[in-house]
C-alpha atoms as a PDB file:
ATOM      1  CA  MET A   1     -19.174  32.241 -35.249  1.00  0.00           C
ATOM      2  CA  THR A   2     -16.346  29.417 -36.124  1.00  0.00           C
ATOM      3  CA  ASP A   3     -15.768  27.014 -38.290  1.00  0.00           C
ATOM      4  CA  GLU A   4     -14.257  24.817 -36.097  1.00  0.00           C
ATOM      5  CA  PRO A   5     -16.922  22.121 -35.422  1.00  0.00           C
ATOM      6  CA  TRP A   6     -15.300  21.430 -31.644  1.00  0.00           C
ATOM      7  CA  ALA A   7     -15.230  25.363 -30.475  1.00  0.00           C
ATOM      8  CA  PHE A   8     -17.495  26.371 -27.943  1.00  0.00           C
ATOM      9  CA  GLU A   9     -19.612  29.440 -27.886  1.00  0.00           C
ATOM     10  CA  GLY A  10     -20.731  31.092 -24.902  1.00  0.00           C
ATOM     11  CA  PRO A  11     -20.077  33.067 -21.811  1.00  0.00           C
ATOM     12  CA  PRO A  12     -16.511  31.128 -20.315  1.00  0.00           C
ATOM     13  CA  ILE A  13     -17.120  28.365 -17.765  1.00  0.00           C
ATOM     14  CA  ASP A  14     -15.666  29.823 -14.022  1.00  0.00           C
ATOM     15  CA  PRO A  15     -14.152  26.349 -12.808  1.00  0.00           C
ATOM     16  CA  THR A  16     -15.549  27.412  -9.249  1.00  0.00           C
ATOM     17  CA  ASP A  17     -19.063  27.377  -9.977  1.00  0.00           C
ATOM     18  CA  TYR A  18     -19.263  24.738 -12.979  1.00  0.00           C
ATOM     19  CA  GLN A  19     -18.577  21.223 -11.825  1.00  0.00           C
ATOM     20  CA  PHE A  20     -16.914  18.947 -14.891  1.00  0.00           C
ATOM     21  CA  SER A  21     -17.941  15.178 -13.406  1.00  0.00           C
ATOM     22  CA  HIS A  22     -20.975  13.781 -12.701  1.00  0.00           C
ATOM     23  CA  VAL A  23     -18.937  12.102  -9.201  1.00  0.00           C
ATOM     24  CA  SER A  24     -19.582  15.813  -7.791  1.00  0.00           C
ATOM     25  CA  ARG A  25     -23.597  15.476  -8.372  1.00  0.00           C
ATOM     26  CA  ARG A  26     -23.274  12.725  -5.471  1.00  0.00           C
ATOM     27  CA  PRO A  27     -23.633  13.637  -2.061  1.00  0.00           C
ATOM     28  CA  PRO A  28     -20.486  14.131  -0.286  1.00  0.00           C
ATOM     29  CA  THR A  29     -19.581  10.599   1.915  1.00  0.00           C
ATOM     30  CA  PRO A  30     -19.257  10.979   5.415  1.00  0.00           C
ATOM     31  CA  THR A  31     -15.381  10.592   6.648  1.00  0.00           C
ATOM     32  CA  LYS A  32     -15.165   8.851   9.829  1.00  0.00           C
ATOM     33  CA  LYS A  33     -12.698  10.877  12.035  1.00  0.00           C
ATOM     34  CA  ARG A  34     -10.251   8.658  14.017  1.00  0.00           C
ATOM     35  CA  SER A  35      -8.587   9.335  17.654  1.00  0.00           C
ATOM     36  CA  GLY A  36      -5.047   8.282  17.791  1.00  0.00           C
ATOM     37  CA  SER A  37      -3.500   5.154  15.810  1.00  0.00           C
ATOM     38  CA  THR A  38      -5.087   2.100  13.875  1.00  0.00           C
ATOM     39  CA  PRO A  39      -4.165  -1.067  15.425  1.00  0.00           C
ATOM     40  CA  GLU A  40      -2.765  -1.712  12.088  1.00  0.00           C
ATOM     41  CA  ALA A  41      -0.942   1.371  12.363  1.00  0.00           C
ATOM     42  CA  LYS A  42       0.601   0.004  15.570  1.00  0.00           C
ATOM     43  CA  VAL A  43       1.772  -3.210  13.640  1.00  0.00           C
ATOM     44  CA  SER A  44       2.748  -1.547  10.363  1.00  0.00           C
ATOM     45  CA  ALA A  45       5.449   0.480  12.600  1.00  0.00           C
ATOM     46  CA  SER A  46       7.363  -2.433  14.078  1.00  0.00           C
ATOM     47  CA  ILE A  47       7.503  -4.546  10.854  1.00  0.00           C
ATOM     48  CA  ASP A  48       9.080  -1.540   9.318  1.00  0.00           C
ATOM     49  CA  THR A  49      11.165  -1.347  12.024  1.00  0.00           C
ATOM     50  CA  TYR A  50      12.070  -4.850  11.532  1.00  0.00           C
ATOM     51  CA  LEU A  51      12.601  -5.009   7.684  1.00  0.00           C
ATOM     52  CA  GLU A  52      15.082  -1.588   8.529  1.00  0.00           C
ATOM     53  CA  LEU A  53      17.130  -4.142  10.590  1.00  0.00           C
ATOM     54  CA  LEU A  54      17.295  -6.834   7.517  1.00  0.00           C
ATOM     55  CA  ASP A  55      18.329  -4.268   5.363  1.00  0.00           C
ATOM     56  CA  PHE A  56      14.915  -4.687   2.757  1.00  0.00           C
ATOM     57  CA  TYR A  57      14.541  -1.734   0.745  1.00  0.00           C
ATOM     58  CA  VAL A  58      11.029  -0.910   1.520  1.00  0.00           C
ATOM     59  CA  LEU A  59       8.367   1.147  -0.231  1.00  0.00           C
ATOM     60  CA  ARG A  60       5.472   2.391   1.051  1.00  0.00           C
ATOM     61  CA  THR A  61       2.502   1.105  -1.436  1.00  0.00           C
ATOM     62  CA  SER A  62      -0.371   2.623  -0.734  1.00  0.00           C
ATOM     63  CA  ALA A  63      -3.938   2.579  -2.643  1.00  0.00           C
ATOM     64  CA  GLY A  64      -7.306   3.424  -2.237  1.00  0.00           C
ATOM     65  CA  MET A  65      -9.701   6.299  -2.824  1.00  0.00           C
ATOM     66  CA  ALA A  66      -9.073   9.485  -2.087  1.00  0.00           C
ATOM     67  CA  ASN A  67     -11.699  12.662  -2.297  1.00  0.00           C
ATOM     68  CA  PHE A  68     -10.215  16.186  -3.830  1.00  0.00           C
ATOM     69  CA  ASP A  69     -12.694  18.760  -4.035  1.00  0.00           C
ATOM     70  CA  GLY A  70     -15.660  16.763  -3.883  1.00  0.00           C
ATOM     71  CA  ARG A  71     -14.433  14.510  -6.406  1.00  0.00           C
ATOM     72  CA  GLN A  72     -13.643  10.624  -5.616  1.00  0.00           C
ATOM     73  CA  VAL A  73      -9.910   9.779  -7.028  1.00  0.00           C
ATOM     74  CA  GLN A  74      -8.397   6.142  -7.491  1.00  0.00           C
ATOM     75  CA  ILE A  75      -5.081   6.476  -6.097  1.00  0.00           C
ATOM     76  CA  GLY A  76      -2.796   3.472  -6.945  1.00  0.00           C
ATOM     77  CA  ARG A  77      -3.659   0.131  -8.224  1.00  0.00           C
ATOM     78  CA  LYS A  78      -6.703  -1.943  -6.369  1.00  0.00           C
ATOM     79  CA  GLY A  79      -5.109  -4.352  -3.724  1.00  0.00           C
ATOM     80  CA  THR A  80      -1.488  -3.318  -4.194  1.00  0.00           C
ATOM     81  CA  HIS A  81      -0.140  -4.420  -0.549  1.00  0.00           C
ATOM     82  CA  ASP A  82       1.066  -2.271   1.746  1.00  0.00           C
ATOM     83  CA  ARG A  83       4.693  -2.625   1.466  1.00  0.00           C
ATOM     84  CA  THR A  84       6.956  -3.722  -1.672  1.00  0.00           C
ATOM     85  CA  CYS A  85      10.045  -4.981  -0.363  1.00  0.00           C
ATOM     86  CA  CYS A  86      13.429  -5.790  -1.991  1.00  0.00           C
ATOM     87  CA  ALA A  87      15.152  -8.831   0.115  1.00  0.00           C
ATOM     88  CA  PRO A  88      18.544  -8.308   0.668  1.00  0.00           C
ATOM     89  CA  ASN A  89      19.162 -10.996  -1.732  1.00  0.00           C
ATOM     90  CA  GLY A  90      17.410  -9.632  -4.214  1.00  0.00           C
ATOM     91  CA  ARG A  91      14.023 -11.225  -4.213  1.00  0.00           C
ATOM     92  CA  TYR A  92      10.749  -9.633  -4.619  1.00  0.00           C
ATOM     93  CA  VAL A  93       8.207  -9.393  -1.498  1.00  0.00           C
ATOM     94  CA  SER A  94       5.195  -7.625  -1.171  1.00  0.00           C
ATOM     95  CA  ILE A  95       3.845  -7.812   2.796  1.00  0.00           C
ATOM     96  CA  GLU A  96      -0.184  -6.833   3.176  1.00  0.00           C
ATOM     97  CA  ILE A  97      -0.240  -5.255   6.810  1.00  0.00           C
ATOM     98  CA  LYS A  98      -2.872  -6.550   8.913  1.00  0.00           C
ATOM     99  CA  SER A  99      -4.119  -5.989  12.362  1.00  0.00           C
ATOM    100  CA  ALA A 100      -5.191  -8.725  15.063  1.00  0.00           C
ATOM    101  CA  THR A 101      -8.350  -9.233  13.121  1.00  0.00           C
ATOM    102  CA  GLY A 102      -7.755  -8.087   9.806  1.00  0.00           C
ATOM    103  CA  THR A 103      -8.391 -10.270   6.583  1.00  0.00           C
ATOM    104  CA  PRO A 104      -7.429  -9.042   2.852  1.00  0.00           C
ATOM    105  CA  SER A 105     -10.036  -8.354   0.921  1.00  0.00           C
ATOM    106  CA  PRO A 106     -10.176 -10.144  -2.566  1.00  0.00           C
ATOM    107  CA  ALA A 107      -8.563  -7.357  -4.312  1.00  0.00           C
ATOM    108  CA  GLN A 108      -5.621  -8.641  -2.188  1.00  0.00           C
ATOM    109  CA  LEU A 109      -5.626 -11.908  -2.563  1.00  0.00           C
ATOM    110  CA  ARG A 110      -6.113 -11.349  -6.509  1.00  0.00           C
ATOM    111  CA  GLN A 111      -2.544  -9.886  -5.751  1.00  0.00           C
ATOM    112  CA  ARG A 112      -1.255 -12.282  -3.940  1.00  0.00           C
ATOM    113  CA  THR A 113      -1.758 -15.220  -6.466  1.00  0.00           C
ATOM    114  CA  PHE A 114      -0.382 -12.932  -9.580  1.00  0.00           C
ATOM    115  CA  ILE A 115       2.609 -11.890  -7.353  1.00  0.00           C
ATOM    116  CA  LEU A 116       2.856 -16.174  -6.785  1.00  0.00           C
ATOM    117  CA  ARG A 117       3.001 -16.744  -9.833  1.00  0.00           C
ATOM    118  CA  ARG A 118       5.804 -14.504 -10.807  1.00  0.00           C
ATOM    119  CA  ASN A 119       8.338 -16.277  -8.395  1.00  0.00           C
ATOM    120  CA  GLY A 120       7.678 -13.432  -6.098  1.00  0.00           C
ATOM    121  CA  VAL A 121       7.149 -13.614  -2.175  1.00  0.00           C
ATOM    122  CA  VAL A 122       3.774 -12.572  -0.443  1.00  0.00           C
ATOM    123  CA  ILE A 123       3.201 -12.317   3.279  1.00  0.00           C
ATOM    124  CA  ILE A 124       0.485 -11.642   5.280  1.00  0.00           C
ATOM    125  CA  PRO A 125       1.475 -10.925   8.737  1.00  0.00           C
ATOM    126  CA  HIS A 126      -0.517  -9.592  11.705  1.00  0.00           C
ATOM    127  CA  SER A 127       2.446  -9.612  13.521  1.00  0.00           C
ATOM    128  CA  VAL A 128       6.361  -9.178  13.507  1.00  0.00           C
ATOM    129  CA  ALA A 129       6.537 -12.760  14.556  1.00  0.00           C
ATOM    130  CA  GLU A 130       3.976 -14.045  11.794  1.00  0.00           C
ATOM    131  CA  LEU A 131       6.609 -11.583   9.035  1.00  0.00           C
ATOM    132  CA  ARG A 132       9.309 -13.450  10.538  1.00  0.00           C
ATOM    133  CA  ALA A 133       7.775 -16.715  10.247  1.00  0.00           C
ATOM    134  CA  GLY A 134       6.589 -16.270   6.429  1.00  0.00           C
ATOM    135  CA  LEU A 135      10.384 -14.622   5.827  1.00  0.00           C
ATOM    136  CA  VAL A 136      11.662 -18.108   7.288  1.00  0.00           C
ATOM    137  CA  ASP A 137       9.568 -20.035   5.036  1.00  0.00           C
ATOM    138  CA  ALA A 138      10.201 -18.126   1.984  1.00  0.00           C
ATOM    139  CA  PHE A 139      14.123 -18.026   2.715  1.00  0.00           C
ATOM    140  CA  GLY A 140      14.996 -20.429   5.067  1.00  0.00           C
ATOM    141  CA  GLU A 141      15.635 -20.400   9.146  1.00  0.00           C
ATOM    142  CA  GLN A 142      19.790 -19.702   8.363  1.00  0.00           C
ATOM    143  CA  THR A 143      19.322 -16.749   6.207  1.00  0.00           C
ATOM    144  CA  VAL A 144      16.973 -15.036   8.302  1.00  0.00           C
ATOM    145  CA  ASN A 145      19.463 -15.768  10.735  1.00  0.00           C
ATOM    146  CA  ASP A 146      22.139 -14.269   8.860  1.00  0.00           C
ATOM    147  CA  TRP A 147      20.126 -10.685   8.046  1.00  0.00           C
ATOM    148  CA  GLU A 148      19.441 -10.297  11.937  1.00  0.00           C
ATOM    149  CA  MET A 149      22.656 -10.818  12.553  1.00  0.00           C
ATOM    150  CA  LEU A 150      24.331  -8.631  10.348  1.00  0.00           C
ATOM    151  CA  GLY A 151      21.531  -5.981  11.040  1.00  0.00           C
ATOM    152  CA  GLN A 152      22.759  -5.757  14.962  1.00  0.00           C
ATOM    153  CA  ALA A 153      26.260  -5.588  13.727  1.00  0.00           C
ATOM    154  CA  ARG A 154      24.944  -2.128  11.519  1.00  0.00           C
ATOM    155  CA  LYS A 155      23.319  -1.086  14.652  1.00  0.00           C
ATOM    156  CA  LYS A 156      26.207  -1.544  16.772  1.00  0.00           C
ATOM    157  CA  ARG A 157      28.421   1.022  14.369  1.00  0.00           C
END
């Protein structure tokens, strides 16, 4: 017996036999397997190509739930948009990519409000054309045209 009030006395715990979290007592959530790429992934790839052409600094900022050894773990901040960007002029741009029928979640709309209040730009496009329209609204037609021309020139090199 030890003098420490917090000391555990008894047989050692084998982590493979004992689950430390209440989450592990829930039945496993069935996962739906997808075949091929999702509609959002196709839009996402074309948007990434366009942002690269414009010379945006882009971070993929994924968030959601992940399952590790039967435990659900929150990854990232709820409502975080798909792309966090720095425009060529230094402005903060957040992009939440949606499929043709997709709509933002309430958490994503709260995130949008948070960013807009701080003078950031938020665009929720369903296509590259909608992304371009959002960039034109935020920066002006001439600026976006300049970025596209510079991108085409870089591409030729």
